[in-house]
N, C-alpha and C. Protein backbone atom coordinates (compact mmCIF):
# COMPACT_ATOMS: atom_id res chain seq x y z
N UNK A 1 0.94 -0.83 0.20
CA UNK A 1 -0.01 -0.23 -0.08
C UNK A 1 0.92 1.49 0.15
N UNK A 2 1.83 0.80 0.65
CA UNK A 2 2.76 2.25 0.73
C UNK A 2 3.56 2.57 -0.35
N UNK A 3 3.58 1.75 -1.37
CA UNK A 3 4.20 1.70 -2.47
C UNK A 3 3.28 2.42 -3.54
N UNK A 4 1.87 1.97 -3.92
CA UNK A 4 1.03 2.64 -4.31
C UNK A 4 1.02 4.16 -3.52
N UNK A 5 0.93 4.54 -2.17
CA UNK A 5 0.97 6.01 -2.28
C UNK A 5 1.90 6.85 -2.57
N UNK A 6 3.18 6.41 -2.50
CA UNK A 6 4.37 7.02 -3.01
C UNK A 6 4.26 7.10 -4.46
N UNK A 7 4.17 6.13 -5.30
CA UNK A 7 3.65 6.45 -7.03
C UNK A 7 2.33 7.69 -7.08
N UNK A 8 1.21 7.71 -6.04
CA UNK A 8 0.71 9.06 -6.22
C UNK A 8 1.09 10.04 -6.03
N UNK A 9 1.82 10.07 -5.18
CA UNK A 9 2.56 11.64 -4.45
C UNK A 9 3.59 11.78 -6.03
N UNK A 10 3.96 10.83 -6.33
CA UNK A 10 4.88 11.50 -7.57
C UNK A 10 4.06 11.67 -8.92
N UNK A 11 2.98 11.09 -8.87
CA UNK A 11 2.08 12.06 -10.06
C UNK A 11 1.76 12.94 -9.74
N UNK A 12 1.02 13.22 -8.34
CA UNK A 12 0.74 15.01 -7.98
C UNK A 12 1.64 15.75 -8.12
N UNK A 13 2.86 15.40 -7.45
CA UNK A 13 4.08 16.16 -7.88
C UNK A 13 4.13 16.55 -9.13
N UNK A 14 4.13 15.80 -10.14
CA UNK A 14 4.37 16.31 -11.71
C UNK A 14 3.24 16.96 -12.03
N UNK A 15 1.77 16.63 -11.59
CA UNK A 15 0.80 17.65 -12.09
C UNK A 15 1.40 19.28 -11.33
N UNK A 16 1.65 19.17 -10.10
CA UNK A 16 1.87 20.42 -9.91
C UNK A 16 2.91 21.08 -10.29
N UNK A 17 3.94 20.32 -10.42
CA UNK A 17 5.17 21.05 -11.60
C UNK A 17 4.63 21.62 -12.58
N UNK A 18 4.06 20.86 -13.61
CA UNK A 18 3.27 21.01 -14.81
C UNK A 18 2.69 22.55 -14.46
N UNK A 19 1.98 22.65 -13.45
CA UNK A 19 1.01 23.95 -13.27
C UNK A 19 1.80 25.26 -12.44
N UNK A 20 2.71 25.08 -12.13
CA UNK A 20 3.48 26.10 -11.78
C UNK A 20 4.96 26.55 -12.18
N UNK A 21 5.62 25.06 -12.75
CA UNK A 21 7.03 25.58 -13.45
C UNK A 21 6.56 25.89 -14.71
N UNK A 22 6.97 27.23 -15.21
CA UNK A 22 7.18 27.72 -16.59
C UNK A 22 8.01 26.55 -17.64
N UNK A 23 7.79 26.10 -18.26
CA UNK A 23 8.23 25.15 -19.30
C UNK A 23 8.12 23.94 -19.30
N UNK A 24 7.23 23.39 -18.41
CA UNK A 24 7.07 21.69 -18.41
C UNK A 24 5.24 21.96 -18.42
N UNK A 25 4.93 21.17 -19.70
CA UNK A 25 3.63 20.95 -19.72
C UNK A 25 3.28 19.56 -19.54
N UNK A 26 2.08 19.54 -19.10
CA UNK A 26 1.39 17.59 -19.01
C UNK A 26 0.12 17.90 -19.59
N UNK A 27 -0.53 17.13 -20.49
CA UNK A 27 -1.82 17.52 -20.99
C UNK A 27 -2.59 16.62 -20.12
N UNK A 28 -2.83 16.27 -19.17
CA UNK A 28 -3.52 15.14 -18.29
C UNK A 28 -3.05 14.34 -17.21
N UNK A 29 -4.03 13.40 -16.30
CA UNK A 29 -3.61 13.05 -15.38
C UNK A 29 -2.80 11.29 -16.22
N UNK A 30 -4.01 10.99 -16.97
CA UNK A 30 -3.04 9.38 -17.76
C UNK A 30 -1.43 9.94 -18.01
N UNK A 31 -1.27 11.30 -18.66
CA UNK A 31 0.34 11.72 -19.16
C UNK A 31 0.97 11.34 -18.08
N UNK A 32 0.47 11.93 -16.56
CA UNK A 32 1.33 12.19 -15.65
C UNK A 32 1.61 11.25 -15.09
N UNK A 33 0.94 9.93 -14.98
CA UNK A 33 0.47 8.77 -14.41
C UNK A 33 1.91 7.82 -15.21
N UNK A 34 2.16 8.02 -16.75
CA UNK A 34 2.74 7.42 -17.60
C UNK A 34 4.25 8.02 -17.37
N UNK A 35 4.23 9.67 -17.40
CA UNK A 35 5.52 9.97 -16.78
C UNK A 35 6.11 9.49 -15.68
N UNK A 36 5.19 9.62 -14.30
CA UNK A 36 5.86 9.00 -13.08
C UNK A 36 6.33 7.38 -13.35
N UNK A 37 5.57 6.63 -14.02
CA UNK A 37 6.12 5.30 -14.11
C UNK A 37 7.26 5.07 -14.96
N UNK A 38 7.42 5.94 -16.20
CA UNK A 38 8.79 6.00 -16.63
C UNK A 38 9.80 6.65 -16.31
N UNK A 39 9.70 7.59 -15.29
CA UNK A 39 10.58 8.12 -14.43
C UNK A 39 11.15 7.49 -13.49
N UNK A 40 10.39 6.32 -12.74
CA UNK A 40 10.46 5.70 -11.71
C UNK A 40 11.49 4.36 -12.69
N UNK A 41 11.10 3.77 -13.71
CA UNK A 41 12.05 2.91 -14.22
C UNK A 41 13.51 3.76 -14.42
N UNK A 42 13.36 4.79 -15.27
CA UNK A 42 14.84 5.30 -15.56
C UNK A 42 15.29 5.71 -14.14
N UNK A 43 14.69 5.88 -13.24
CA UNK A 43 15.63 6.01 -12.16
C UNK A 43 16.07 4.50 -11.29
N UNK A 44 15.14 3.28 -11.62
CA UNK A 44 15.86 2.23 -11.07
C UNK A 44 16.94 1.46 -11.86
N UNK A 45 16.71 1.74 -13.53
CA UNK A 45 17.67 1.17 -14.21
C UNK A 45 18.70 1.54 -14.81
N UNK A 46 18.63 3.30 -15.28
CA UNK A 46 19.55 3.76 -16.00
C UNK A 46 20.43 4.92 -14.93
N UNK A 47 19.86 5.75 -13.66
CA UNK A 47 20.44 6.72 -12.98
C UNK A 47 21.70 5.66 -12.41
N UNK A 48 21.43 4.39 -11.61
CA UNK A 48 22.65 3.90 -11.07
C UNK A 48 23.65 4.07 -11.75
N UNK A 49 23.62 3.51 -13.20
CA UNK A 49 24.77 3.52 -14.11
C UNK A 49 25.51 4.66 -14.16
N UNK A 50 24.62 5.47 -14.58
CA UNK A 50 25.10 6.86 -14.39
C UNK A 50 25.80 7.43 -13.59
N UNK A 51 25.53 7.35 -12.37
CA UNK A 51 25.84 7.64 -11.10
C UNK A 51 27.57 7.12 -10.86
N UNK A 52 27.71 5.69 -11.42
CA UNK A 52 28.81 5.17 -11.34
C UNK A 52 29.83 5.65 -12.24
N UNK A 53 29.41 6.07 -13.43
CA UNK A 53 29.98 6.58 -14.42
C UNK A 53 30.67 8.16 -14.33
N UNK A 54 29.87 8.75 -13.89
CA UNK A 54 30.17 10.17 -13.30
C UNK A 54 30.49 10.22 -11.81
N UNK A 55 31.00 9.15 -11.11
CA UNK A 55 31.23 9.34 -9.46
C UNK A 55 32.37 10.22 -9.61
N UNK A 56 33.60 10.27 -10.25
CA UNK A 56 34.69 11.28 -9.82
C UNK A 56 34.45 12.80 -10.03
N UNK A 57 33.10 13.11 -11.14
CA UNK A 57 32.48 14.35 -11.31
C UNK A 57 31.80 14.74 -10.22
N UNK A 58 30.99 13.78 -9.98
CA UNK A 58 30.15 13.82 -8.45
C UNK A 58 30.68 13.93 -7.63
N UNK A 59 32.10 13.22 -7.21
CA UNK A 59 32.56 13.40 -6.07
C UNK A 59 33.94 15.08 -6.32
N UNK A 60 33.70 15.52 -7.63
CA UNK A 60 34.80 16.78 -7.33
C UNK A 60 33.29 17.96 -7.30
N UNK A 61 32.34 17.73 -7.47
CA UNK A 61 31.23 18.49 -7.09
C UNK A 61 30.38 18.54 -5.93
N UNK A 62 31.10 17.71 -4.99
CA UNK A 62 30.71 17.33 -3.99
C UNK A 62 28.97 17.12 -3.83
N UNK A 63 28.59 16.19 -4.67
CA UNK A 63 27.59 15.88 -4.77
C UNK A 63 26.56 16.43 -5.55
N UNK A 64 26.79 17.61 -6.02
CA UNK A 64 25.74 18.44 -6.86
C UNK A 64 25.55 18.12 -8.03
N UNK A 65 26.45 17.48 -8.56
CA UNK A 65 26.08 16.89 -10.09
C UNK A 65 25.14 15.87 -10.38
N UNK A 66 24.70 15.37 -9.23
CA UNK A 66 23.47 14.61 -9.17
C UNK A 66 21.97 15.34 -9.59
N UNK A 67 21.91 16.08 -9.17
CA UNK A 67 21.10 17.45 -9.48
C UNK A 67 21.01 17.46 -11.25
N UNK A 68 21.96 17.91 -11.56
CA UNK A 68 22.01 18.29 -12.89
C UNK A 68 21.87 16.38 -13.47
N UNK A 69 22.39 15.54 -13.24
CA UNK A 69 22.18 14.15 -13.81
C UNK A 69 20.52 14.09 -13.42
N UNK A 70 19.93 14.32 -12.29
CA UNK A 70 18.60 14.13 -12.59
C UNK A 70 17.75 14.94 -13.53
N UNK A 71 17.95 16.22 -13.92
CA UNK A 71 17.32 17.21 -14.75
C UNK A 71 17.70 16.47 -15.94
N UNK A 72 18.89 16.09 -16.26
CA UNK A 72 19.26 15.44 -17.89
C UNK A 72 18.22 14.23 -17.63
N UNK A 73 17.93 13.48 -17.13
CA UNK A 73 17.48 12.37 -16.75
C UNK A 73 15.68 12.62 -17.10
N UNK A 74 15.17 13.65 -16.38
CA UNK A 74 13.64 14.15 -16.54
C UNK A 74 13.35 14.45 -17.99
N UNK A 75 14.39 15.72 -18.29
CA UNK A 75 14.31 15.68 -19.79
C UNK A 75 14.24 14.79 -20.66
N UNK A 76 14.92 13.89 -20.43
CA UNK A 76 15.32 12.62 -21.31
C UNK A 76 13.96 11.90 -21.48
N UNK A 77 12.94 11.95 -20.28
CA UNK A 77 11.88 11.19 -20.14
C UNK A 77 10.91 11.88 -21.03
N UNK A 78 10.84 13.13 -21.15
CA UNK A 78 9.92 14.25 -21.96
C UNK A 78 10.00 13.72 -23.47
N UNK A 79 11.41 13.32 -23.63
CA UNK A 79 11.38 13.17 -25.23
C UNK A 79 10.69 12.23 -25.28
N UNK A 80 10.30 10.82 -24.35
CA UNK A 80 9.52 9.94 -25.11
C UNK A 80 8.14 9.95 -24.75
N UNK A 81 7.67 10.68 -23.79
CA UNK A 81 6.08 10.68 -23.84
C UNK A 81 5.41 11.90 -24.44
N UNK A 82 4.61 11.53 -25.37
CA UNK A 82 3.73 12.72 -26.21
C UNK A 82 2.78 13.20 -24.99
N UNK A 83 2.67 14.59 -25.15
CA UNK A 83 1.81 14.90 -24.06
C UNK A 83 2.53 15.73 -22.84
N UNK A 84 3.72 15.20 -23.03
CA UNK A 84 4.45 15.70 -21.92
C UNK A 84 5.75 16.47 -22.30
N UNK A 85 5.87 18.07 -21.76
CA UNK A 85 7.07 18.55 -22.59
C UNK A 85 7.75 19.52 -21.87
N UNK A 86 9.01 18.96 -21.77
CA UNK A 86 9.74 20.20 -21.13
C UNK A 86 10.78 21.03 -21.81
N UNK A 87 10.74 22.32 -21.95
CA UNK A 87 11.44 22.97 -22.75
C UNK A 87 12.64 23.51 -22.81
N UNK A 88 13.52 23.01 -21.83
CA UNK A 88 15.27 23.18 -21.63
C UNK A 88 15.89 22.72 -20.45
N UNK A 89 16.64 23.09 -20.05
CA UNK A 89 17.68 22.20 -19.12
C UNK A 89 17.14 23.26 -17.74
N UNK A 90 16.89 24.43 -17.50
CA UNK A 90 16.30 24.75 -16.35
C UNK A 90 14.99 24.37 -15.77
N UNK A 91 14.25 24.37 -16.87
CA UNK A 91 12.73 24.13 -16.13
C UNK A 91 12.94 22.44 -15.61
N UNK A 92 13.88 22.10 -16.30
CA UNK A 92 14.04 20.42 -16.03
C UNK A 92 14.74 20.39 -14.39
N UNK A 93 15.73 21.03 -14.15
CA UNK A 93 16.51 21.14 -12.93
C UNK A 93 15.68 21.67 -11.88
N UNK A 94 14.53 22.66 -12.48
CA UNK A 94 13.70 23.64 -11.38
C UNK A 94 12.66 22.46 -11.28
N UNK A 95 11.91 21.48 -12.07
CA UNK A 95 10.84 20.81 -11.79
C UNK A 95 11.40 19.16 -10.94
N UNK A 96 13.00 19.16 -11.24
CA UNK A 96 12.84 17.98 -10.15
C UNK A 96 13.38 18.38 -9.01
N UNK A 97 13.84 19.62 -8.89
CA UNK A 97 14.12 20.01 -7.55
C UNK A 97 12.72 19.90 -6.74
N UNK A 98 11.55 20.65 -7.22
CA UNK A 98 10.23 20.36 -6.94
C UNK A 98 9.70 19.42 -6.68
N UNK A 99 9.63 18.79 -7.68
CA UNK A 99 9.12 16.79 -7.59
C UNK A 99 10.00 16.39 -6.56
N UNK A 100 11.29 16.31 -6.24
CA UNK A 100 12.05 15.86 -5.02
C UNK A 100 11.27 16.21 -3.94
N UNK A 101 11.57 17.77 -3.43
CA UNK A 101 10.71 18.45 -2.52
C UNK A 101 9.72 18.01 -1.95
N UNK A 102 8.56 17.98 -3.08
CA UNK A 102 7.16 17.15 -2.62
C UNK A 102 7.01 15.90 -2.35
N UNK A 103 8.33 15.01 -3.15
CA UNK A 103 7.92 13.55 -2.84
C UNK A 103 8.72 13.60 -1.06
N UNK A 104 9.53 14.45 -1.24
CA UNK A 104 10.44 13.74 0.29
C UNK A 104 9.30 14.26 1.25
N UNK A 105 8.43 15.23 1.46
CA UNK A 105 7.61 15.91 2.06
C UNK A 105 6.62 14.75 2.16
N UNK A 106 6.20 14.47 1.00
CA UNK A 106 4.86 13.24 1.25
C UNK A 106 5.14 11.91 1.48
N UNK A 107 6.30 11.54 1.63
CA UNK A 107 6.88 10.20 1.70
C UNK A 107 7.10 10.64 3.49
N UNK A 108 7.32 11.64 4.09
CA UNK A 108 7.30 11.72 5.22
C UNK A 108 5.97 11.31 6.21
N UNK A 109 4.95 11.94 5.31
CA UNK A 109 3.67 11.21 6.19
C UNK A 109 2.92 10.06 5.52
N UNK A 110 3.64 9.24 4.74
CA UNK A 110 3.05 8.04 4.61
C UNK A 110 3.89 6.84 5.08
């Protein structure tokens, strides 16, 4: 049950970001659900590999490169889903920061 609640928090966070962050658009709840599912799969399978490949850069920047990596992966997800668009790197960065904050706050209550 907790997994479903966390997934719904991410879906709601994506809808929130689409409403309040300029440059990110989602056409509906179904698209937000697909984006959340694809975002989860990317975070499970692709992100750990990229973290390991960019470990020296991540150590050099004291972990701040992870934010850049998250934004690039979020932008990457937008290239696959019709009805979800991210207009550039800065909206992707701001979007991932807001989604992470909402997810962190929401997971505290679950």
